[in-house]
């Protein structure tokens, strides 16, 4: 039922705004999240790609919304097991989010964490460790206590112990 309502809203927005409008991007983004929640990852991916194109055109390539939807594309790709492609999208999202929010923002840290997870899945543990350290530094600076922040802190602590262990 939610999907039908979203499609009705999308049709209405397109009738009212034959030119591209950011509301269309928001609806496409929501529809992508709904499809992802239902396990329809290919459909979710296509909807998020459409939302990204809309946001890039209507809000600009450095907008927070564009960065957020790029992250969602990365998340869907990662869920589909396409880790290298997910890293590429997340890296793009980090660039945009740094421009939109600044270098020291929780959204930047969350995306760096996601990059690290995907890199870890591809076996690129060295770069994953660097991404985790960057995320940890941001979480620490902003005083984040979210589950993501706690997980990253634990992983960084574990990595540091392993480095110390290997030196002895």
N, C-alpha and C. Protein backbone atom coordinates (compact mmCIF):
# COMPACT_ATOMS: atom_id res chain seq x y z
N UNK A 1 0.81 -1.19 0.00
CA UNK A 1 0.00 0.00 0.00
C UNK A 1 0.86 1.27 0.00
N UNK A 2 1.94 1.27 0.78
CA UNK A 2 2.82 2.44 0.82
C UNK A 2 3.41 2.72 -0.56
N UNK A 3 3.75 1.66 -1.26
CA UNK A 3 4.32 1.81 -2.60
C UNK A 3 3.33 2.49 -3.55
N UNK A 4 2.07 2.07 -3.47
CA UNK A 4 1.04 2.66 -4.32
C UNK A 4 0.90 4.14 -4.01
N UNK A 5 0.89 4.49 -2.73
CA UNK A 5 0.78 5.90 -2.34
C UNK A 5 1.97 6.70 -2.85
N UNK A 6 3.16 6.13 -2.76
CA UNK A 6 4.36 6.81 -3.26
C UNK A 6 4.26 7.03 -4.77
N UNK A 7 3.80 6.02 -5.47
CA UNK A 7 3.66 6.15 -6.93
C UNK A 7 2.62 7.21 -7.29
N UNK A 8 1.53 7.28 -6.51
CA UNK A 8 0.53 8.33 -6.73
C UNK A 8 1.12 9.71 -6.49
N UNK A 9 1.87 9.86 -5.42
CA UNK A 9 2.53 11.13 -5.10
C UNK A 9 3.50 11.52 -6.21
N UNK A 10 4.29 10.55 -6.66
CA UNK A 10 5.26 10.82 -7.71
C UNK A 10 4.56 11.29 -8.98
N UNK A 11 3.46 10.64 -9.35
CA UNK A 11 2.71 11.03 -10.54
C UNK A 11 2.16 12.44 -10.38
N UNK A 12 1.66 12.76 -9.19
CA UNK A 12 1.12 14.09 -8.94
C UNK A 12 2.21 15.16 -9.03
N UNK A 13 3.36 14.89 -8.43
CA UNK A 13 4.47 15.85 -8.48
C UNK A 13 4.90 16.07 -9.94
N UNK A 14 4.97 15.01 -10.69
CA UNK A 14 5.38 15.14 -12.10
C UNK A 14 4.35 15.91 -12.92
N UNK A 15 3.05 15.78 -12.57
CA UNK A 15 2.02 16.57 -13.26
C UNK A 15 2.14 18.04 -12.89
N UNK A 16 2.32 18.30 -11.60
CA UNK A 16 2.39 19.68 -11.11
C UNK A 16 3.69 20.38 -11.50
N UNK A 17 4.76 19.59 -11.61
CA UNK A 17 6.09 20.14 -11.92
C UNK A 17 6.68 19.37 -13.10
N UNK A 18 6.25 19.71 -14.33
CA UNK A 18 6.80 18.96 -15.47
C UNK A 18 8.33 19.12 -15.59
N UNK A 19 8.85 20.25 -15.08
CA UNK A 19 10.30 20.39 -14.98
C UNK A 19 10.74 19.59 -13.76
N UNK A 20 12.01 19.27 -13.69
CA UNK A 20 12.49 18.51 -12.53
C UNK A 20 12.31 19.33 -11.27
N UNK A 21 11.91 18.64 -10.21
CA UNK A 21 11.73 19.29 -8.91
C UNK A 21 12.31 18.37 -7.84
N UNK A 22 12.90 18.95 -6.80
CA UNK A 22 13.55 18.16 -5.74
C UNK A 22 12.57 17.26 -5.00
N UNK A 23 11.30 17.61 -4.97
CA UNK A 23 10.32 16.75 -4.30
C UNK A 23 10.29 15.38 -4.98
N UNK A 24 10.45 15.36 -6.30
CA UNK A 24 10.50 14.10 -7.04
C UNK A 24 11.66 13.25 -6.53
N UNK A 25 12.82 13.88 -6.32
CA UNK A 25 13.97 13.15 -5.79
C UNK A 25 13.71 12.56 -4.43
N UNK A 26 13.02 13.32 -3.57
CA UNK A 26 12.71 12.83 -2.22
C UNK A 26 11.79 11.61 -2.29
N UNK A 27 10.79 11.67 -3.16
CA UNK A 27 9.87 10.54 -3.29
C UNK A 27 10.60 9.32 -3.85
N UNK A 28 11.44 9.53 -4.86
CA UNK A 28 12.21 8.42 -5.43
C UNK A 28 13.12 7.79 -4.37
N UNK A 29 13.73 8.65 -3.56
CA UNK A 29 14.60 8.18 -2.48
C UNK A 29 13.79 7.33 -1.50
N UNK A 30 12.62 7.82 -1.09
CA UNK A 30 11.76 7.06 -0.16
C UNK A 30 11.30 5.74 -0.76
N UNK A 31 10.97 5.77 -2.05
CA UNK A 31 10.56 4.54 -2.73
C UNK A 31 11.73 3.55 -2.77
N UNK A 32 12.95 4.06 -2.95
CA UNK A 32 14.14 3.20 -2.94
C UNK A 32 14.34 2.56 -1.58
N UNK A 33 14.13 3.34 -0.52
CA UNK A 33 14.28 2.79 0.82
C UNK A 33 13.21 1.72 1.09
N UNK A 34 12.00 1.98 0.63
CA UNK A 34 10.91 1.01 0.79
C UNK A 34 11.24 -0.29 0.05
N UNK A 35 11.72 -0.17 -1.20
CA UNK A 35 12.08 -1.36 -1.98
C UNK A 35 13.21 -2.13 -1.29
N UNK A 36 14.18 -1.41 -0.76
CA UNK A 36 15.29 -2.05 -0.05
C UNK A 36 14.79 -2.79 1.18
N UNK A 37 13.90 -2.16 1.93
CA UNK A 37 13.33 -2.80 3.12
C UNK A 37 12.59 -4.08 2.77
N UNK A 38 12.07 -4.15 1.55
CA UNK A 38 11.33 -5.32 1.10
C UNK A 38 12.25 -6.34 0.43
N UNK A 39 13.55 -6.06 0.39
CA UNK A 39 14.50 -6.98 -0.23
C UNK A 39 14.56 -6.89 -1.74
N UNK A 40 13.98 -5.85 -2.31
CA UNK A 40 13.97 -5.65 -3.76
C UNK A 40 15.15 -4.74 -4.13
N UNK A 41 16.36 -5.30 -4.03
CA UNK A 41 17.57 -4.48 -4.11
C UNK A 41 17.82 -3.90 -5.50
N UNK A 42 17.55 -4.65 -6.55
CA UNK A 42 17.76 -4.12 -7.90
C UNK A 42 16.83 -2.92 -8.15
N UNK A 43 15.60 -3.06 -7.73
CA UNK A 43 14.64 -1.96 -7.87
C UNK A 43 15.06 -0.78 -7.00
N UNK A 44 15.48 -1.06 -5.78
CA UNK A 44 15.94 0.00 -4.88
C UNK A 44 17.11 0.76 -5.49
N UNK A 45 18.04 0.01 -6.07
CA UNK A 45 19.20 0.62 -6.71
C UNK A 45 18.77 1.58 -7.81
N UNK A 46 17.86 1.14 -8.66
CA UNK A 46 17.40 1.99 -9.77
C UNK A 46 16.70 3.25 -9.26
N UNK A 47 15.88 3.10 -8.24
CA UNK A 47 15.18 4.26 -7.67
C UNK A 47 16.15 5.24 -7.04
N UNK A 48 17.15 4.74 -6.33
CA UNK A 48 18.15 5.63 -5.72
C UNK A 48 18.99 6.32 -6.79
N UNK A 49 19.30 5.62 -7.86
CA UNK A 49 20.04 6.25 -8.97
C UNK A 49 19.22 7.38 -9.57
N UNK A 50 17.93 7.16 -9.75
CA UNK A 50 17.06 8.21 -10.27
C UNK A 50 16.99 9.40 -9.30
N UNK A 51 16.91 9.09 -8.00
CA UNK A 51 16.88 10.15 -6.99
C UNK A 51 18.18 10.95 -7.02
N UNK A 52 19.30 10.25 -7.16
CA UNK A 52 20.60 10.93 -7.22
C UNK A 52 20.67 11.88 -8.41
N UNK A 53 20.22 11.42 -9.55
CA UNK A 53 20.23 12.28 -10.75
C UNK A 53 19.35 13.50 -10.54
N UNK A 54 18.20 13.29 -9.91
CA UNK A 54 17.30 14.41 -9.63
C UNK A 54 17.95 15.41 -8.69
N UNK A 55 18.50 14.94 -7.58
CA UNK A 55 19.13 15.82 -6.61
C UNK A 55 20.32 16.57 -7.21
N UNK A 56 21.09 15.87 -8.01
CA UNK A 56 22.25 16.51 -8.63
C UNK A 56 21.80 17.67 -9.52
N UNK A 57 20.71 17.46 -10.25
CA UNK A 57 20.19 18.50 -11.14
C UNK A 57 19.46 19.61 -10.39
N UNK A 58 18.69 19.26 -9.36
CA UNK A 58 17.84 20.26 -8.70
C UNK A 58 18.50 20.93 -7.50
N UNK A 59 19.35 20.21 -6.78
CA UNK A 59 19.97 20.77 -5.58
C UNK A 59 21.46 21.01 -5.74
N UNK A 60 22.05 20.39 -6.75
CA UNK A 60 23.47 20.59 -7.01
C UNK A 60 24.31 19.41 -6.56
N UNK A 61 25.50 19.28 -7.17
CA UNK A 61 26.36 18.12 -6.91
C UNK A 61 27.04 18.14 -5.54
N UNK A 62 26.89 19.22 -4.79
CA UNK A 62 27.50 19.29 -3.46
C UNK A 62 26.45 19.39 -2.36
N UNK A 63 25.21 19.00 -2.68
CA UNK A 63 24.13 19.10 -1.68
C UNK A 63 24.14 17.90 -0.74
N UNK A 64 23.66 18.14 0.46
CA UNK A 64 23.57 17.07 1.45
C UNK A 64 22.67 15.93 0.96
N UNK A 65 21.57 16.29 0.32
CA UNK A 65 20.65 15.25 -0.17
C UNK A 65 21.32 14.36 -1.21
N UNK A 66 22.11 14.96 -2.09
CA UNK A 66 22.82 14.17 -3.09
C UNK A 66 23.81 13.22 -2.41
N UNK A 67 24.53 13.72 -1.42
CA UNK A 67 25.46 12.88 -0.67
C UNK A 67 24.76 11.73 0.04
N UNK A 68 23.58 12.02 0.62
CA UNK A 68 22.83 10.99 1.33
C UNK A 68 22.37 9.88 0.39
N UNK A 69 21.87 10.25 -0.77
CA UNK A 69 21.38 9.24 -1.69
C UNK A 69 22.54 8.44 -2.29
N UNK A 70 23.69 9.07 -2.46
CA UNK A 70 24.87 8.30 -2.90
C UNK A 70 25.23 7.25 -1.86
N UNK A 71 25.11 7.61 -0.58
CA UNK A 71 25.36 6.64 0.49
C UNK A 71 24.36 5.49 0.42
N UNK A 72 23.11 5.81 0.13
CA UNK A 72 22.10 4.75 0.02
C UNK A 72 22.41 3.82 -1.14
N UNK A 73 22.92 4.38 -2.24
CA UNK A 73 23.33 3.54 -3.37
C UNK A 73 24.45 2.60 -2.91
N UNK A 74 25.41 3.14 -2.16
CA UNK A 74 26.48 2.32 -1.62
C UNK A 74 25.97 1.21 -0.72
N UNK A 75 24.99 1.55 0.11
CA UNK A 75 24.41 0.56 1.02
C UNK A 75 23.74 -0.57 0.25
N UNK A 76 22.97 -0.22 -0.76
CA UNK A 76 22.29 -1.25 -1.56
C UNK A 76 23.31 -2.12 -2.28
N UNK A 77 24.33 -1.49 -2.87
CA UNK A 77 25.37 -2.26 -3.55
C UNK A 77 26.07 -3.21 -2.59
N UNK A 78 26.38 -2.72 -1.39
CA UNK A 78 27.01 -3.57 -0.38
C UNK A 78 26.12 -4.73 0.02
N UNK A 79 24.84 -4.46 0.18
CA UNK A 79 23.88 -5.52 0.52
C UNK A 79 23.82 -6.57 -0.58
N UNK A 80 24.01 -6.13 -1.82
CA UNK A 80 23.99 -7.05 -2.96
C UNK A 80 25.32 -7.80 -3.11
N UNK A 81 26.30 -7.48 -2.23
CA UNK A 81 27.61 -8.13 -2.30
C UNK A 81 28.55 -7.50 -3.30
N UNK A 82 28.20 -6.34 -3.82
CA UNK A 82 29.04 -5.63 -4.80
C UNK A 82 29.89 -4.60 -4.05
N UNK A 83 30.85 -5.12 -3.28
CA UNK A 83 31.59 -4.29 -2.34
C UNK A 83 32.47 -3.25 -3.01
N UNK A 84 33.14 -3.60 -4.08
CA UNK A 84 34.01 -2.62 -4.76
C UNK A 84 33.20 -1.46 -5.31
N UNK A 85 32.04 -1.78 -5.90
CA UNK A 85 31.16 -0.74 -6.43
C UNK A 85 30.61 0.11 -5.28
N UNK A 86 30.31 -0.54 -4.16
CA UNK A 86 29.81 0.19 -3.00
C UNK A 86 30.86 1.17 -2.50
N UNK A 87 32.12 0.74 -2.44
CA UNK A 87 33.20 1.63 -2.00
C UNK A 87 33.27 2.86 -2.91
N UNK A 88 33.17 2.65 -4.21
CA UNK A 88 33.23 3.78 -5.14
C UNK A 88 32.12 4.78 -4.85
N UNK A 89 30.91 4.29 -4.62
CA UNK A 89 29.78 5.18 -4.36
C UNK A 89 29.95 5.88 -3.03
N UNK A 90 30.39 5.12 -2.01
CA UNK A 90 30.62 5.72 -0.69
C UNK A 90 31.71 6.79 -0.76
N UNK A 91 32.77 6.54 -1.53
CA UNK A 91 33.84 7.54 -1.65
C UNK A 91 33.30 8.83 -2.28
N UNK A 92 32.45 8.66 -3.27
CA UNK A 92 31.80 9.82 -3.89
C UNK A 92 30.95 10.55 -2.84
N UNK A 93 30.22 9.78 -2.04
CA UNK A 93 29.36 10.35 -1.01
C UNK A 93 30.18 11.12 0.03
N UNK A 94 31.34 10.57 0.43
CA UNK A 94 32.19 11.26 1.41
C UNK A 94 32.63 12.62 0.87
N UNK A 95 33.04 12.66 -0.40
CA UNK A 95 33.44 13.94 -1.00
C UNK A 95 32.31 14.95 -0.93
N UNK A 96 31.12 14.53 -1.31
CA UNK A 96 29.97 15.43 -1.32
C UNK A 96 29.63 15.85 0.11
N UNK A 97 29.60 14.89 1.03
CA UNK A 97 29.25 15.21 2.42
C UNK A 97 30.27 16.14 3.06
N UNK A 98 31.54 16.00 2.73
CA UNK A 98 32.55 16.92 3.26
C UNK A 98 32.26 18.35 2.79
N UNK A 99 31.84 18.48 1.54
CA UNK A 99 31.50 19.81 1.01
C UNK A 99 30.21 20.34 1.63
N UNK A 100 29.25 19.47 1.84
CA UNK A 100 27.95 19.89 2.37
C UNK A 100 27.98 20.14 3.88
N UNK A 101 28.68 19.27 4.63
CA UNK A 101 28.64 19.34 6.09
C UNK A 101 29.95 19.80 6.73
N UNK A 102 31.05 19.70 6.00
CA UNK A 102 32.36 19.94 6.58
C UNK A 102 33.04 18.62 6.88
N UNK A 103 34.34 18.68 7.13
CA UNK A 103 35.13 17.47 7.33
C UNK A 103 34.80 16.72 8.62
N UNK A 104 34.33 17.43 9.61
CA UNK A 104 34.13 16.83 10.94
C UNK A 104 32.64 16.74 11.25
N UNK A 105 31.97 15.85 10.55
CA UNK A 105 30.52 15.68 10.75
C UNK A 105 30.22 14.19 10.85
N UNK A 106 29.24 13.86 11.65
CA UNK A 106 28.90 12.46 11.89
C UNK A 106 28.52 11.74 10.59
N UNK A 107 27.93 12.44 9.63
CA UNK A 107 27.58 11.81 8.35
C UNK A 107 28.83 11.39 7.58
N UNK A 108 29.87 12.19 7.68
CA UNK A 108 31.15 11.83 7.05
C UNK A 108 31.72 10.60 7.75
N UNK A 109 31.68 10.59 9.07
CA UNK A 109 32.19 9.44 9.84
C UNK A 109 31.41 8.17 9.53
N UNK A 110 30.08 8.27 9.47
CA UNK A 110 29.26 7.09 9.17
C UNK A 110 29.61 6.51 7.81
N UNK A 111 29.84 7.39 6.84
CA UNK A 111 30.17 6.91 5.49
C UNK A 111 31.57 6.30 5.46
N UNK A 112 32.51 6.89 6.19
CA UNK A 112 33.85 6.29 6.27
C UNK A 112 33.77 4.90 6.91
N UNK A 113 32.93 4.75 7.91
CA UNK A 113 32.72 3.44 8.53
C UNK A 113 32.19 2.45 7.51
N UNK A 114 31.23 2.88 6.71
CA UNK A 114 30.66 2.00 5.69
C UNK A 114 31.70 1.60 4.64
N UNK A 115 32.55 2.55 4.29
CA UNK A 115 33.64 2.24 3.35
C UNK A 115 34.54 1.16 3.95
N UNK A 116 34.88 1.33 5.22
CA UNK A 116 35.76 0.37 5.89
C UNK A 116 35.15 -1.03 5.90
N UNK A 117 33.86 -1.12 6.17
CA UNK A 117 33.18 -2.42 6.18
C UNK A 117 33.29 -3.07 4.80
N UNK A 118 33.01 -2.31 3.76
CA UNK A 118 33.08 -2.86 2.40
C UNK A 118 34.51 -3.23 2.01
N UNK A 119 35.46 -2.38 2.38
CA UNK A 119 36.86 -2.71 2.09
C UNK A 119 37.27 -4.00 2.80
N UNK A 120 36.81 -4.14 4.04
CA UNK A 120 37.10 -5.36 4.77
C UNK A 120 36.56 -6.59 4.06
N UNK A 121 35.39 -6.46 3.46
CA UNK A 121 34.80 -7.58 2.72
C UNK A 121 35.62 -7.93 1.47
N UNK A 122 36.35 -6.96 0.93
CA UNK A 122 37.17 -7.23 -0.25
C UNK A 122 38.58 -7.65 0.12
N UNK A 123 38.90 -7.64 1.42
CA UNK A 123 40.24 -8.02 1.86
C UNK A 123 41.21 -6.86 1.95
N UNK A 124 40.75 -5.66 1.70
CA UNK A 124 41.61 -4.46 1.75
C UNK A 124 41.64 -3.94 3.19
N UNK A 125 42.27 -4.70 4.07
CA UNK A 125 42.25 -4.36 5.49
C UNK A 125 43.08 -3.13 5.83
N UNK A 126 44.12 -2.88 5.08
CA UNK A 126 44.97 -1.71 5.36
C UNK A 126 44.19 -0.41 5.15
N UNK A 127 43.52 -0.29 4.00
CA UNK A 127 42.72 0.92 3.75
C UNK A 127 41.50 0.97 4.67
N UNK A 128 40.94 -0.20 4.98
CA UNK A 128 39.81 -0.25 5.90
C UNK A 128 40.21 0.30 7.27
N UNK A 129 41.41 -0.05 7.72
CA UNK A 129 41.90 0.45 9.01
C UNK A 129 42.04 1.97 8.99
N UNK A 130 42.54 2.51 7.88
CA UNK A 130 42.67 3.97 7.77
C UNK A 130 41.31 4.66 7.80
N UNK A 131 40.33 4.07 7.11
CA UNK A 131 38.99 4.64 7.11
C UNK A 131 38.39 4.61 8.51
N UNK A 132 38.61 3.49 9.23
CA UNK A 132 38.10 3.39 10.60
C UNK A 132 38.75 4.43 11.51
N UNK A 133 40.04 4.64 11.35
CA UNK A 133 40.74 5.64 12.17
C UNK A 133 40.19 7.04 11.91
N UNK A 134 39.93 7.36 10.63
CA UNK A 134 39.35 8.66 10.30
C UNK A 134 37.96 8.81 10.92
N UNK A 135 37.16 7.76 10.78
CA UNK A 135 35.80 7.80 11.35
C UNK A 135 35.87 7.97 12.87
N UNK A 136 36.77 7.22 13.50
CA UNK A 136 36.92 7.29 14.96
C UNK A 136 37.32 8.70 15.40
N UNK A 137 38.23 9.31 14.67
CA UNK A 137 38.66 10.67 15.02
C UNK A 137 37.49 11.65 14.95
N UNK A 138 36.65 11.49 13.95
CA UNK A 138 35.49 12.38 13.82
C UNK A 138 34.49 12.10 14.94
N UNK A 139 34.16 10.83 15.15
CA UNK A 139 33.22 10.48 16.23
C UNK A 139 33.70 11.04 17.57
N UNK A 140 35.01 10.91 17.83
CA UNK A 140 35.57 11.39 19.08
C UNK A 140 35.44 12.91 19.18
N UNK A 141 35.78 13.59 18.10
CA UNK A 141 35.75 15.06 18.10
C UNK A 141 34.34 15.61 18.31
N UNK A 142 33.35 14.96 17.72
CA UNK A 142 31.97 15.46 17.87
C UNK A 142 31.25 14.87 19.08
N UNK A 143 31.92 13.97 19.79
CA UNK A 143 31.33 13.38 20.99
C UNK A 143 30.22 12.39 20.70
N UNK A 144 30.29 11.73 19.57
CA UNK A 144 29.24 10.77 19.18
C UNK A 144 29.28 9.54 20.07
N UNK A 145 28.10 9.07 20.44
CA UNK A 145 28.00 7.87 21.27
C UNK A 145 27.07 6.83 20.63
N UNK A 146 26.80 6.99 19.35
CA UNK A 146 25.91 6.07 18.65
C UNK A 146 26.51 4.67 18.60
N UNK A 147 25.69 3.72 18.19
CA UNK A 147 26.17 2.34 18.05
C UNK A 147 27.33 2.28 17.04
N UNK A 148 27.21 3.02 15.94
CA UNK A 148 28.31 3.06 14.96
C UNK A 148 29.60 3.56 15.60
N UNK A 149 29.49 4.64 16.37
CA UNK A 149 30.67 5.22 17.02
C UNK A 149 31.30 4.22 17.98
N UNK A 150 30.48 3.51 18.73
CA UNK A 150 30.99 2.52 19.69
C UNK A 150 31.65 1.35 18.97
N UNK A 151 31.05 0.89 17.88
CA UNK A 151 31.64 -0.21 17.11
C UNK A 151 33.00 0.19 16.54
N UNK A 152 33.06 1.40 15.98
CA UNK A 152 34.32 1.86 15.40
C UNK A 152 35.38 2.00 16.48
N UNK A 153 35.02 2.56 17.63
CA UNK A 153 35.98 2.70 18.73
C UNK A 153 36.53 1.34 19.15
N UNK A 154 35.66 0.35 19.25
CA UNK A 154 36.10 -1.00 19.64
C UNK A 154 37.01 -1.60 18.57
N UNK A 155 36.69 -1.40 17.31
CA UNK A 155 37.52 -1.94 16.23
C UNK A 155 38.89 -1.28 16.20
N UNK A 156 38.91 0.04 16.37
CA UNK A 156 40.20 0.75 16.37
C UNK A 156 41.04 0.30 17.56
N UNK A 157 40.42 0.14 18.71
CA UNK A 157 41.15 -0.34 19.89
C UNK A 157 41.73 -1.73 19.64
N UNK A 158 40.93 -2.60 19.05
CA UNK A 158 41.38 -3.96 18.74
C UNK A 158 42.55 -3.93 17.74
N UNK A 159 42.43 -3.07 16.72
CA UNK A 159 43.52 -2.96 15.74
C UNK A 159 44.81 -2.51 16.40
N UNK A 160 44.70 -1.53 17.30
CA UNK A 160 45.89 -1.02 17.97
C UNK A 160 46.53 -2.09 18.85
N UNK A 161 45.72 -2.91 19.49
CA UNK A 161 46.24 -4.02 20.30
C UNK A 161 46.98 -5.01 19.41
N UNK A 162 46.40 -5.31 18.25
CA UNK A 162 47.03 -6.25 17.33
C UNK A 162 48.35 -5.72 16.80
N UNK A 163 48.43 -4.42 16.56
CA UNK A 163 49.68 -3.82 16.09
C UNK A 163 50.73 -3.91 17.18
N UNK A 164 50.32 -3.58 18.44
CA UNK A 164 51.25 -3.69 19.56
C UNK A 164 51.71 -5.15 19.73
N UNK A 165 50.80 -6.09 19.62
CA UNK A 165 51.10 -7.50 19.76
C UNK A 165 52.10 -7.94 18.72
N UNK A 166 51.92 -7.49 17.46
CA UNK A 166 52.82 -7.91 16.40
C UNK A 166 54.22 -7.30 16.54
N UNK A 167 54.33 -6.21 17.28
CA UNK A 167 55.64 -5.56 17.49
C UNK A 167 56.45 -6.28 18.57
N UNK A 168 55.79 -7.01 19.42
CA UNK A 168 56.50 -7.68 20.54
C UNK A 168 56.97 -9.06 20.17
